[in-house]
C-alpha atoms as a PDB file:
ATOM      1  CA  MET A   1       0.949-171.164  42.984  1.00  0.00           C
ATOM      2  CA  GLU A   2      -1.188-170.144  45.976  1.00  0.00           C
ATOM      3  CA  ARG A   3      -3.735-168.191  43.944  1.00  0.00           C
ATOM      4  CA  GLY A   4      -7.238-169.341  44.742  1.00  0.00           C
ATOM      5  CA  SER A   5      -6.120-171.191  47.857  1.00  0.00           C
ATOM      6  CA  VAL A   6      -8.735-171.123  50.636  1.00  0.00           C
ATOM      7  CA  THR A   7      -8.115-171.873  54.308  1.00  0.00           C
ATOM      8  CA  VAL A   8     -11.077-172.307  56.652  1.00  0.00           C
ATOM      9  CA  TRP A   9     -11.035-173.095  60.348  1.00  0.00           C
ATOM     10  CA  PHE A  10     -13.460-172.934  63.254  1.00  0.00           C
ATOM     11  CA  SER A  11     -12.195-171.620  66.575  1.00  0.00           C
ATOM     12  CA  GLU A  12     -12.856-173.515  69.775  1.00  0.00           C
ATOM     13  CA  GLU A  13     -15.017-170.634  70.995  1.00  0.00           C
ATOM     14  CA  ALA A  14     -17.182-170.810  67.871  1.00  0.00           C
ATOM     15  CA  LEU A  15     -17.720-174.561  68.214  1.00  0.00           C
ATOM     16  CA  ALA A  16     -18.470-174.214  71.939  1.00  0.00           C
ATOM     17  CA  SER A  17     -21.233-171.679  71.204  1.00  0.00           C
ATOM     18  CA  TRP A  18     -22.560-173.454  68.099  1.00  0.00           C
ATOM     19  CA  ARG A  19     -25.724-174.743  69.768  1.00  0.00           C
ATOM     20  CA  HIS A  20     -28.320-172.386  71.202  1.00  0.00           C
ATOM     21  CA  ALA A  21     -28.510-171.942  74.978  1.00  0.00           C
ATOM     22  CA  ASN A  22     -31.882-173.469  75.834  1.00  0.00           C
ATOM     23  CA  ALA A  23     -31.884-171.730  79.212  1.00  0.00           C
ATOM     24  CA  GLU A  24     -32.931-168.482  77.534  1.00  0.00           C
ATOM     25  CA  SER A  25     -36.649-167.819  77.587  1.00  0.00           C
ATOM     26  CA  LYS A  26     -38.429-168.144  74.269  1.00  0.00           C
ATOM     27  CA  VAL A  27     -42.052-168.669  73.309  1.00  0.00           C
ATOM     28  CA  GLY A  28     -42.515-171.928  71.449  1.00  0.00           C
ATOM     29  CA  ARG A  29     -39.902-174.484  70.462  1.00  0.00           C
ATOM     30  CA  PRO A  30     -36.359-173.399  71.462  1.00  0.00           C
ATOM     31  CA  PHE A  31     -33.728-172.812  68.807  1.00  0.00           C
ATOM     32  CA  VAL A  32     -31.222-175.563  68.110  1.00  0.00           C
ATOM     33  CA  TYR A  33     -28.476-173.361  66.661  1.00  0.00           C
ATOM     34  CA  SER A  34     -27.098-170.156  68.147  1.00  0.00           C
ATOM     35  CA  ASP A  35     -27.164-166.803  66.394  1.00  0.00           C
ATOM     36  CA  SER A  36     -23.391-166.998  65.891  1.00  0.00           C
ATOM     37  CA  ALA A  37     -23.766-170.323  64.054  1.00  0.00           C
ATOM     38  CA  ILE A  38     -26.438-168.888  61.755  1.00  0.00           C
ATOM     39  CA  GLU A  39     -24.365-165.750  61.131  1.00  0.00           C
ATOM     40  CA  CYS A  40     -21.296-167.866  60.350  1.00  0.00           C
ATOM     41  CA  LEU A  41     -23.116-169.780  57.617  1.00  0.00           C
ATOM     42  CA  LEU A  42     -24.760-166.636  56.247  1.00  0.00           C
ATOM     43  CA  THR A  43     -21.319-165.022  56.063  1.00  0.00           C
ATOM     44  CA  LEU A  44     -20.045-167.958  53.995  1.00  0.00           C
ATOM     45  CA  ARG A  45     -23.141-167.560  51.839  1.00  0.00           C
ATOM     46  CA  GLU A  46     -22.291-163.929  51.075  1.00  0.00           C
ATOM     47  CA  LEU A  47     -18.579-164.539  50.579  1.00  0.00           C
ATOM     48  CA  PHE A  48     -19.123-167.272  48.012  1.00  0.00           C
ATOM     49  CA  LYS A  49     -22.439-165.923  46.632  1.00  0.00           C
ATOM     50  CA  LEU A  50     -24.371-169.121  47.334  1.00  0.00           C
ATOM     51  CA  PRO A  51     -28.103-169.903  47.519  1.00  0.00           C
ATOM     52  CA  TYR A  52     -29.445-171.280  50.799  1.00  0.00           C
ATOM     53  CA  ARG A  53     -29.422-174.922  49.627  1.00  0.00           C
ATOM     54  CA  GLN A  54     -25.796-174.710  48.486  1.00  0.00           C
ATOM     55  CA  THR A  55     -24.860-172.995  51.748  1.00  0.00           C
ATOM     56  CA  GLU A  56     -26.208-175.978  53.665  1.00  0.00           C
ATOM     57  CA  GLY A  57     -24.218-178.406  51.519  1.00  0.00           C
ATOM     58  CA  PHE A  58     -21.075-176.271  51.699  1.00  0.00           C
ATOM     59  CA  GLY A  59     -21.323-176.142  55.486  1.00  0.00           C
ATOM     60  CA  ARG A  60     -21.680-179.919  55.740  1.00  0.00           C
ATOM     61  CA  SER A  61     -18.651-180.385  53.500  1.00  0.00           C
ATOM     62  CA  LEU A  62     -16.543-178.055  55.649  1.00  0.00           C
ATOM     63  CA  ILE A  63     -17.523-179.858  58.841  1.00  0.00           C
ATOM     64  CA  ALA A  64     -16.631-183.199  57.259  1.00  0.00           C
ATOM     65  CA  LEU A  65     -13.252-181.932  56.015  1.00  0.00           C
ATOM     66  CA  LEU A  66     -12.356-180.392  59.357  1.00  0.00           C
ATOM     67  CA  GLY A  67     -13.430-183.492  61.271  1.00  0.00           C
ATOM     68  CA  VAL A  68     -15.347-181.597  63.954  1.00  0.00           C
ATOM     69  CA  GLU A  69     -18.662-182.437  65.549  1.00  0.00           C
ATOM     70  CA  ALA A  70     -21.149-179.734  64.617  1.00  0.00           C
ATOM     71  CA  ALA A  71     -24.551-180.051  62.995  1.00  0.00           C
ATOM     72  CA  ILE A  72     -25.485-177.789  60.077  1.00  0.00           C
ATOM     73  CA  PRO A  73     -28.983-176.255  59.918  1.00  0.00           C
ATOM     74  CA  ASP A  74     -31.060-176.970  56.844  1.00  0.00           C
ATOM     75  CA  TYR A  75     -31.634-174.267  54.237  1.00  0.00           C
ATOM     76  CA  SER A  76     -35.156-173.419  55.386  1.00  0.00           C
ATOM     77  CA  SER A  77     -33.962-172.830  58.952  1.00  0.00           C
ATOM     78  CA  LEU A  78     -31.243-170.517  57.637  1.00  0.00           C
ATOM     79  CA  ALA A  79     -33.796-168.460  55.723  1.00  0.00           C
ATOM     80  CA  LYS A  80     -36.188-168.215  58.687  1.00  0.00           C
ATOM     81  CA  ARG A  81     -33.487-167.291  61.196  1.00  0.00           C
ATOM     82  CA  ALA A  82     -31.931-164.750  58.820  1.00  0.00           C
ATOM     83  CA  ALA A  83     -35.131-162.693  58.850  1.00  0.00           C
ATOM     84  CA  LYS A  84     -34.736-161.882  62.576  1.00  0.00           C
ATOM     85  CA  LEU A  85     -30.972-162.056  63.033  1.00  0.00           C
ATOM     86  CA  GLY A  86     -29.220-159.122  64.699  1.00  0.00           C
ATOM     87  CA  VAL A  87     -25.793-158.481  63.162  1.00  0.00           C
ATOM     88  CA  SER A  88     -23.095-156.184  64.509  1.00  0.00           C
ATOM     89  CA  LEU A  89     -20.971-154.250  62.008  1.00  0.00           C
ATOM     90  CA  ALA A  90     -17.739-155.208  63.836  1.00  0.00           C
ATOM     91  CA  ILE A  91     -16.359-151.686  64.124  1.00  0.00           C
ATOM     92  CA  ALA A  92     -12.873-151.318  65.611  1.00  0.00           C
ATOM     93  CA  ASN A  93     -12.899-150.054  69.200  1.00  0.00           C
ATOM     94  CA  LYS A  94     -11.420-146.554  69.135  1.00  0.00           C
ATOM     95  CA  ARG A  95     -12.036-143.539  71.316  1.00  0.00           C
ATOM     96  CA  GLY A  96     -12.838-139.991  70.386  1.00  0.00           C
ATOM     97  CA  ALA A  97     -15.243-138.226  68.080  1.00  0.00           C
ATOM     98  CA  ILE A  98     -15.491-139.101  64.402  1.00  0.00           C
ATOM     99  CA  ASP A  99     -16.683-137.597  61.153  1.00  0.00           C
ATOM    100  CA  VAL A 100     -19.191-139.422  58.957  1.00  0.00           C
ATOM    101  CA  VAL A 101     -19.843-139.321  55.229  1.00  0.00           C
ATOM    102  CA  VAL A 102     -23.157-140.666  53.951  1.00  0.00           C
ATOM    103  CA  ASP A 103     -24.523-141.833  50.637  1.00  0.00           C
ATOM    104  CA  GLY A 104     -27.156-144.141  49.208  1.00  0.00           C
ATOM    105  CA  THR A 105     -27.303-146.547  46.293  1.00  0.00           C
ATOM    106  CA  GLY A 106     -29.711-148.975  44.656  1.00  0.00           C
ATOM    107  CA  LEU A 107     -29.504-152.768  44.769  1.00  0.00           C
ATOM    108  CA  LYS A 108     -31.596-154.757  42.321  1.00  0.00           C
ATOM    109  CA  VAL A 109     -33.971-157.452  43.510  1.00  0.00           C
ATOM    110  CA  PHE A 110     -35.494-158.754  40.287  1.00  0.00           C
ATOM    111  CA  GLY A 111     -36.044-157.459  36.806  1.00  0.00           C
ATOM    112  CA  GLU A 112     -34.219-157.169  33.514  1.00  0.00           C
ATOM    113  CA  GLY A 113     -30.676-155.986  32.992  1.00  0.00           C
ATOM    114  CA  GLU A 114     -29.620-152.526  31.886  1.00  0.00           C
ATOM    115  CA  CYS A 115     -29.350-153.467  28.195  1.00  0.00           C
ATOM    116  CA  LYS A 116     -32.957-154.654  27.926  1.00  0.00           C
ATOM    117  CA  THR A 117     -34.217-151.693  29.946  1.00  0.00           C
ATOM    118  CA  ARG A 118     -32.556-149.159  27.662  1.00  0.00           C
ATOM    119  CA  THR A 119     -33.697-150.784  24.419  1.00  0.00           C
ATOM    120  CA  ARG A 120     -37.223-152.005  25.270  1.00  0.00           C
ATOM    121  CA  GLY A 121     -38.106-150.241  28.499  1.00  0.00           C
ATOM    122  CA  LYS A 122     -38.599-151.588  31.986  1.00  0.00           C
ATOM    123  CA  SER A 123     -41.269-154.059  33.026  1.00  0.00           C
ATOM    124  CA  LYS A 124     -43.722-153.685  35.882  1.00  0.00           C
ATOM    125  CA  ARG A 125     -41.935-156.291  37.981  1.00  0.00           C
ATOM    126  CA  ARG A 126     -38.605-154.494  37.989  1.00  0.00           C
ATOM    127  CA  THR A 127     -37.781-153.340  41.534  1.00  0.00           C
ATOM    128  CA  TRP A 128     -34.835-152.569  43.802  1.00  0.00           C
ATOM    129  CA  ARG A 129     -33.892-151.579  47.354  1.00  0.00           C
ATOM    130  CA  LYS A 130     -31.925-148.593  48.602  1.00  0.00           C
ATOM    131  CA  LEU A 131     -28.812-149.131  50.712  1.00  0.00           C
ATOM    132  CA  HIS A 132     -27.844-146.161  52.897  1.00  0.00           C
ATOM    133  CA  LEU A 133     -24.282-146.082  54.253  1.00  0.00           C
ATOM    134  CA  SER A 134     -22.533-143.968  56.856  1.00  0.00           C
ATOM    135  CA  VAL A 135     -18.740-144.225  56.622  1.00  0.00           C
ATOM    136  CA  ASN A 136     -15.907-143.059  58.858  1.00  0.00           C
ATOM    137  CA  PRO A 137     -13.585-141.245  56.397  1.00  0.00           C
ATOM    138  CA  ASP A 138     -10.526-141.773  58.600  1.00  0.00           C
ATOM    139  CA  THR A 139     -10.792-145.575  58.963  1.00  0.00           C
ATOM    140  CA  ARG A 140     -13.008-146.298  55.875  1.00  0.00           C
ATOM    141  CA  GLU A 141     -15.259-148.431  58.086  1.00  0.00           C
ATOM    142  CA  ILE A 142     -19.020-148.540  57.605  1.00  0.00           C
ATOM    143  CA  VAL A 143     -20.297-147.334  60.975  1.00  0.00           C
ATOM    144  CA  ALA A 144     -24.024-147.482  60.158  1.00  0.00           C
ATOM    145  CA  GLU A 145     -26.291-148.788  57.400  1.00  0.00           C
ATOM    146  CA  THR A 146     -29.947-149.191  56.574  1.00  0.00           C
ATOM    147  CA  LEU A 147     -31.770-150.941  53.743  1.00  0.00           C
ATOM    148  CA  THR A 148     -35.133-149.542  52.664  1.00  0.00           C
ATOM    149  CA  GLU A 149     -37.646-149.808  49.863  1.00  0.00           C
ATOM    150  CA  ASN A 150     -36.973-147.753  46.748  1.00  0.00           C
ATOM    151  CA  SER A 151     -39.556-145.147  47.737  1.00  0.00           C
ATOM    152  CA  SER A 152     -37.481-143.980  50.714  1.00  0.00           C
ATOM    153  CA  HIS A 153     -35.585-140.695  50.373  1.00  0.00           C
ATOM    154  CA  ASP A 154     -31.967-140.413  51.480  1.00  0.00           C
ATOM    155  CA  ALA A 155     -32.812-137.679  53.983  1.00  0.00           C
ATOM    156  CA  ASP A 156     -35.423-139.907  55.652  1.00  0.00           C
ATOM    157  CA  GLU A 157     -32.712-142.320  56.857  1.00  0.00           C
ATOM    158  CA  VAL A 158     -30.397-139.814  58.554  1.00  0.00           C
ATOM    159  CA  GLU A 159     -31.977-140.274  61.980  1.00  0.00           C
ATOM    160  CA  ALA A 160     -31.784-144.071  61.676  1.00  0.00           C
ATOM    161  CA  LEU A 161     -28.113-143.872  60.664  1.00  0.00           C
ATOM    162  CA  LEU A 162     -27.175-141.488  63.475  1.00  0.00           C
ATOM    163  CA  SER A 163     -28.955-143.610  66.090  1.00  0.00           C
ATOM    164  CA  GLN A 164     -26.668-146.562  65.268  1.00  0.00           C
ATOM    165  CA  ILE A 165     -23.500-144.600  66.076  1.00  0.00           C
ATOM    166  CA  ASP A 166     -22.638-144.591  69.787  1.00  0.00           C
ATOM    167  CA  ARG A 167     -19.659-142.227  69.467  1.00  0.00           C
ATOM    168  CA  PRO A 168     -19.632-138.412  69.299  1.00  0.00           C
ATOM    169  CA  ILE A 169     -19.777-137.024  65.759  1.00  0.00           C
ATOM    170  CA  ASN A 170     -17.976-133.861  64.701  1.00  0.00           C
ATOM    171  CA  LYS A 171     -19.048-133.379  61.076  1.00  0.00           C
ATOM    172  CA  PHE A 172     -21.666-134.855  58.775  1.00  0.00           C
ATOM    173  CA  TYR A 173     -20.826-134.868  55.048  1.00  0.00           C
ATOM    174  CA  GLY A 174     -23.659-135.337  52.579  1.00  0.00           C
ATOM    175  CA  ASP A 175     -24.612-134.292  49.057  1.00  0.00           C
ATOM    176  CA  GLY A 176     -27.503-132.057  48.031  1.00  0.00           C
ATOM    177  CA  ALA A 177     -30.050-134.809  48.663  1.00  0.00           C
ATOM    178  CA  TYR A 178     -29.543-134.232  52.397  1.00  0.00           C
ATOM    179  CA  ASP A 179     -30.308-130.501  52.164  1.00  0.00           C
ATOM    180  CA  LYS A 180     -33.530-130.855  54.162  1.00  0.00           C
ATOM    181  CA  TRP A 181     -34.517-129.030  57.334  1.00  0.00           C
ATOM    182  CA  LYS A 182     -35.288-132.294  59.118  1.00  0.00           C
ATOM    183  CA  VAL A 183     -31.677-133.352  58.517  1.00  0.00           C
ATOM    184  CA  TYR A 184     -30.346-130.110  59.986  1.00  0.00           C
ATOM    185  CA  GLU A 185     -32.642-130.495  62.986  1.00  0.00           C
ATOM    186  CA  SER A 186     -31.400-134.041  63.647  1.00  0.00           C
ATOM    187  CA  LEU A 187     -27.793-132.886  63.393  1.00  0.00           C
ATOM    188  CA  GLN A 188     -28.400-129.866  65.615  1.00  0.00           C
ATOM    189  CA  ALA A 189     -29.928-132.069  68.311  1.00  0.00           C
ATOM    190  CA  ARG A 190     -26.645-134.021  68.413  1.00  0.00           C
ATOM    191  CA  SER A 191     -24.365-130.976  68.068  1.00  0.00           C
ATOM    192  CA  VAL A 192     -23.073-132.206  64.702  1.00  0.00           C
ATOM    193  CA  ALA A 193     -21.715-129.725  62.155  1.00  0.00           C
ATOM    194  CA  PRO A 194     -23.315-130.253  58.717  1.00  0.00           C
ATOM    195  CA  VAL A 195     -21.229-130.076  55.551  1.00  0.00           C
ATOM    196  CA  ILE A 196     -24.047-130.132  53.000  1.00  0.00           C
ATOM    197  CA  PRO A 197     -24.192-127.944  49.873  1.00  0.00           C
ATOM    198  CA  PRO A 198     -27.437-125.906  49.788  1.00  0.00           C
ATOM    199  CA  GLN A 199     -29.552-125.963  46.661  1.00  0.00           C
ATOM    200  CA  HIS A 200     -28.668-123.414  43.987  1.00  0.00           C
ATOM    201  CA  ASN A 201     -31.894-121.485  44.628  1.00  0.00           C
ATOM    202  CA  ALA A 202     -31.581-121.679  48.432  1.00  0.00           C
ATOM    203  CA  LYS A 203     -32.820-118.701  50.437  1.00  0.00           C
ATOM    204  CA  ILE A 204     -31.608-117.478  53.811  1.00  0.00           C
ATOM    205  CA  LYS A 205     -34.093-118.443  56.516  1.00  0.00           C
ATOM    206  CA  GLN A 206     -32.773-116.417  59.448  1.00  0.00           C
ATOM    207  CA  HIS A 207     -31.307-113.019  58.599  1.00  0.00           C
ATOM    208  CA  GLY A 208     -28.280-111.462  60.229  1.00  0.00           C
ATOM    209  CA  ASN A 209     -30.197-109.008  62.425  1.00  0.00           C
ATOM    210  CA  SER A 210     -31.731-111.889  64.377  1.00  0.00           C
ATOM    211  CA  ALA A 211     -30.592-112.401  67.966  1.00  0.00           C
ATOM    212  CA  ALA A 212     -30.714-116.185  67.604  1.00  0.00           C
ATOM    213  CA  GLU A 213     -27.695-118.346  66.850  1.00  0.00           C
ATOM    214  CA  PRO A 214     -26.853-118.355  63.111  1.00  0.00           C
ATOM    215  CA  LEU A 215     -28.062-121.408  61.220  1.00  0.00           C
ATOM    216  CA  PRO A 216     -25.335-123.541  59.580  1.00  0.00           C
ATOM    217  CA  ARG A 217     -27.261-123.664  56.312  1.00  0.00           C
ATOM    218  CA  ASP A 218     -27.577-119.867  56.206  1.00  0.00           C
ATOM    219  CA  GLU A 219     -23.860-119.510  56.890  1.00  0.00           C
ATOM    220  CA  ALA A 220     -23.110-121.863  53.996  1.00  0.00           C
ATOM    221  CA  ILE A 221     -25.353-119.833  51.666  1.00  0.00           C
ATOM    222  CA  ARG A 222     -23.578-116.608  52.646  1.00  0.00           C
ATOM    223  CA  ALA A 223     -20.142-118.167  52.121  1.00  0.00           C
ATOM    224  CA  ILE A 224     -21.143-119.475  48.688  1.00  0.00           C
ATOM    225  CA  ARG A 225     -22.425-116.050  47.694  1.00  0.00           C
ATOM    226  CA  ARG A 226     -19.125-114.459  48.722  1.00  0.00           C
ATOM    227  CA  GLN A 227     -16.611-116.868  47.239  1.00  0.00           C
ATOM    228  CA  GLY A 228     -18.461-119.250  44.953  1.00  0.00           C
ATOM    229  CA  ARG A 229     -19.597-122.841  45.366  1.00  0.00           C
ATOM    230  CA  ARG A 230     -16.358-124.467  44.165  1.00  0.00           C
ATOM    231  CA  ARG A 231     -14.145-122.576  46.610  1.00  0.00           C
ATOM    232  CA  TRP A 232     -16.603-123.161  49.452  1.00  0.00           C
ATOM    233  CA  LYS A 233     -16.487-126.916  48.848  1.00  0.00           C
ATOM    234  CA  ARG A 234     -12.705-126.851  48.867  1.00  0.00           C
ATOM    235  CA  GLU A 235     -12.474-124.847  52.089  1.00  0.00           C
ATOM    236  CA  VAL A 236     -14.975-126.947  54.074  1.00  0.00           C
ATOM    237  CA  GLY A 237     -13.499-130.226  52.805  1.00  0.00           C
ATOM    238  CA  TYR A 238     -16.712-131.281  51.109  1.00  0.00           C
ATOM    239  CA  HIS A 239     -14.881-133.647  48.761  1.00  0.00           C
ATOM    240  CA  ARG A 240     -14.283-136.083  51.635  1.00  0.00           C
ATOM    241  CA  ARG A 241     -17.827-137.157  50.845  1.00  0.00           C
ATOM    242  CA  SER A 242     -16.461-139.072  47.844  1.00  0.00           C
ATOM    243  CA  LEU A 243     -15.220-141.720  50.301  1.00  0.00           C
ATOM    244  CA  ALA A 244     -18.848-142.774  50.788  1.00  0.00           C
ATOM    245  CA  LYS A 245     -19.144-143.406  47.052  1.00  0.00           C
ATOM    246  CA  THR A 246     -15.920-145.393  47.260  1.00  0.00           C
ATOM    247  CA  SER A 247     -17.507-147.631  49.907  1.00  0.00           C
ATOM    248  CA  VAL A 248     -20.589-148.060  47.721  1.00  0.00           C
ATOM    249  CA  TYR A 249     -18.327-149.079  44.848  1.00  0.00           C
ATOM    250  CA  ARG A 250     -16.490-151.587  47.053  1.00  0.00           C
ATOM    251  CA  VAL A 251     -19.764-153.165  48.202  1.00  0.00           C
ATOM    252  CA  LYS A 252     -20.979-153.625  44.641  1.00  0.00           C
ATOM    253  CA  GLN A 253     -17.635-154.850  43.308  1.00  0.00           C
ATOM    254  CA  THR A 254     -17.279-157.398  46.113  1.00  0.00           C
ATOM    255  CA  PHE A 255     -20.829-158.739  46.318  1.00  0.00           C
ATOM    256  CA  GLY A 256     -22.519-157.528  43.136  1.00  0.00           C
ATOM    257  CA  ASP A 257     -25.331-155.032  42.609  1.00  0.00           C
ATOM    258  CA  ARG A 258     -28.161-157.495  43.263  1.00  0.00           C
ATOM    259  CA  LEU A 259     -29.755-158.934  46.415  1.00  0.00           C
ATOM    260  CA  LYS A 260     -30.337-162.687  46.512  1.00  0.00           C
ATOM    261  CA  ASN A 261     -33.236-162.688  48.986  1.00  0.00           C
ATOM    262  CA  ARG A 262     -36.786-161.748  48.028  1.00  0.00           C
ATOM    263  CA  ARG A 263     -38.198-160.681  51.408  1.00  0.00           C
ATOM    264  CA  LEU A 264     -37.212-157.349  52.942  1.00  0.00           C
ATOM    265  CA  PRO A 265     -36.256-158.690  56.436  1.00  0.00           C
ATOM    266  CA  ASN A 266     -33.870-161.205  54.855  1.00  0.00           C
ATOM    267  CA  GLN A 267     -32.537-158.551  52.508  1.00  0.00           C
ATOM    268  CA  ARG A 268     -31.704-156.313  55.450  1.00  0.00           C
ATOM    269  CA  THR A 269     -29.710-159.074  57.106  1.00  0.00           C
ATOM    270  CA  GLU A 270     -28.011-159.813  53.786  1.00  0.00           C
ATOM    271  CA  ALA A 271     -26.965-156.178  53.320  1.00  0.00           C
ATOM    272  CA  ARG A 272     -25.739-155.841  56.901  1.00  0.00           C
ATOM    273  CA  ILE A 273     -23.588-158.978  56.668  1.00  0.00           C
ATOM    274  CA  ARG A 274     -22.045-157.598  53.480  1.00  0.00           C
ATOM    275  CA  CYS A 275     -21.122-154.400  55.310  1.00  0.00           C
ATOM    276  CA  LYS A 276     -19.669-156.393  58.195  1.00  0.00           C
ATOM    277  CA  ILE A 277     -17.518-158.461  55.844  1.00  0.00           C
ATOM    278  CA  LEU A 278     -16.299-155.304  54.138  1.00  0.00           C
ATOM    279  CA  ASN A 279     -15.346-153.860  57.536  1.00  0.00           C
ATOM    280  CA  ARG A 280     -13.302-156.985  58.227  1.00  0.00           C
ATOM    281  CA  PHE A 281     -11.525-156.552  54.909  1.00  0.00           C
ATOM    282  CA  THR A 282     -10.834-152.910  55.760  1.00  0.00           C
ATOM    283  CA  GLN A 283      -9.417-153.783  59.170  1.00  0.00           C
ATOM    284  CA  LEU A 284      -7.088-156.356  57.632  1.00  0.00           C
ATOM    285  CA  GLY A 285      -5.513-153.625  55.521  1.00  0.00           C
ATOM    286  CA  MET A 286      -6.126-151.040  52.825  1.00  0.00           C
ATOM    287  CA  PRO A 287      -3.895-150.494  49.766  1.00  0.00           C
ATOM    288  CA  LEU A 288      -1.332-147.710  50.021  1.00  0.00           C
ATOM    289  CA  PHE A 289      -0.517-145.563  47.016  1.00  0.00           C
ATOM    290  CA  GLU A 290       2.768-143.709  46.592  1.00  0.00           C
ATOM    291  CA  TRP A 291       3.436-141.038  44.004  1.00  0.00           C
ATOM    292  CA  ASN A 292       6.862-141.161  42.369  1.00  0.00           C
END
């Protein structure tokens, strides 16, 4: 009979840091609420899929039920602070190098549903954003993310994803969309081994009689020519990349495939908080499957 039961509490540390430290320098009127207080309410907003006005009311109700002394910012303050809020992804502290698998997906902003689009076509006001994820395949944590406009290509965000990771990276798993020379150059600068399938019509850039170090993409093309694409994927472990699609699926199943905010800065904070919540879920425990 505990299904649907919700328990909420505020730690003493959270309440102590609820108000903003006015000693910090800031141009203009100082903030009343700390970044942690704003992030706390925005997290509740994403968990329960609430608009800003309902988030304000929900926060006031929680404070009243808990009997603690803490003021709740109004909905307009939440929206303004969300546009410039810096959010950490809350990655578990572990040492050593990691592998990363990357993928991108679309999140709708406004426009008709799929049924109307297929039957009557899309309207001019239909638009979406692209969420780019970098996932640790060993822990299933999202170690980096970016949210861009729909015109951005997946390969354009590799440098931004890599710059968010402060640990050494062994291998980079990506699909054919990442088969771009700028991606290989970014990986080479960080001594990261690419596991990216070349295009079917790919040509060798640097031939074997060259004195320079062999290019990873050329080596992949040669291996595919010798043993076939399917066997090459199996030998290099390319199918680990499917774990990135699993993370994309988890994000959409947990929070939906639509963004609530209309402005890009707020949407970026919204997407990052979703990834942080999903990391918390992952750290609490993942399901284990046993074959009989």
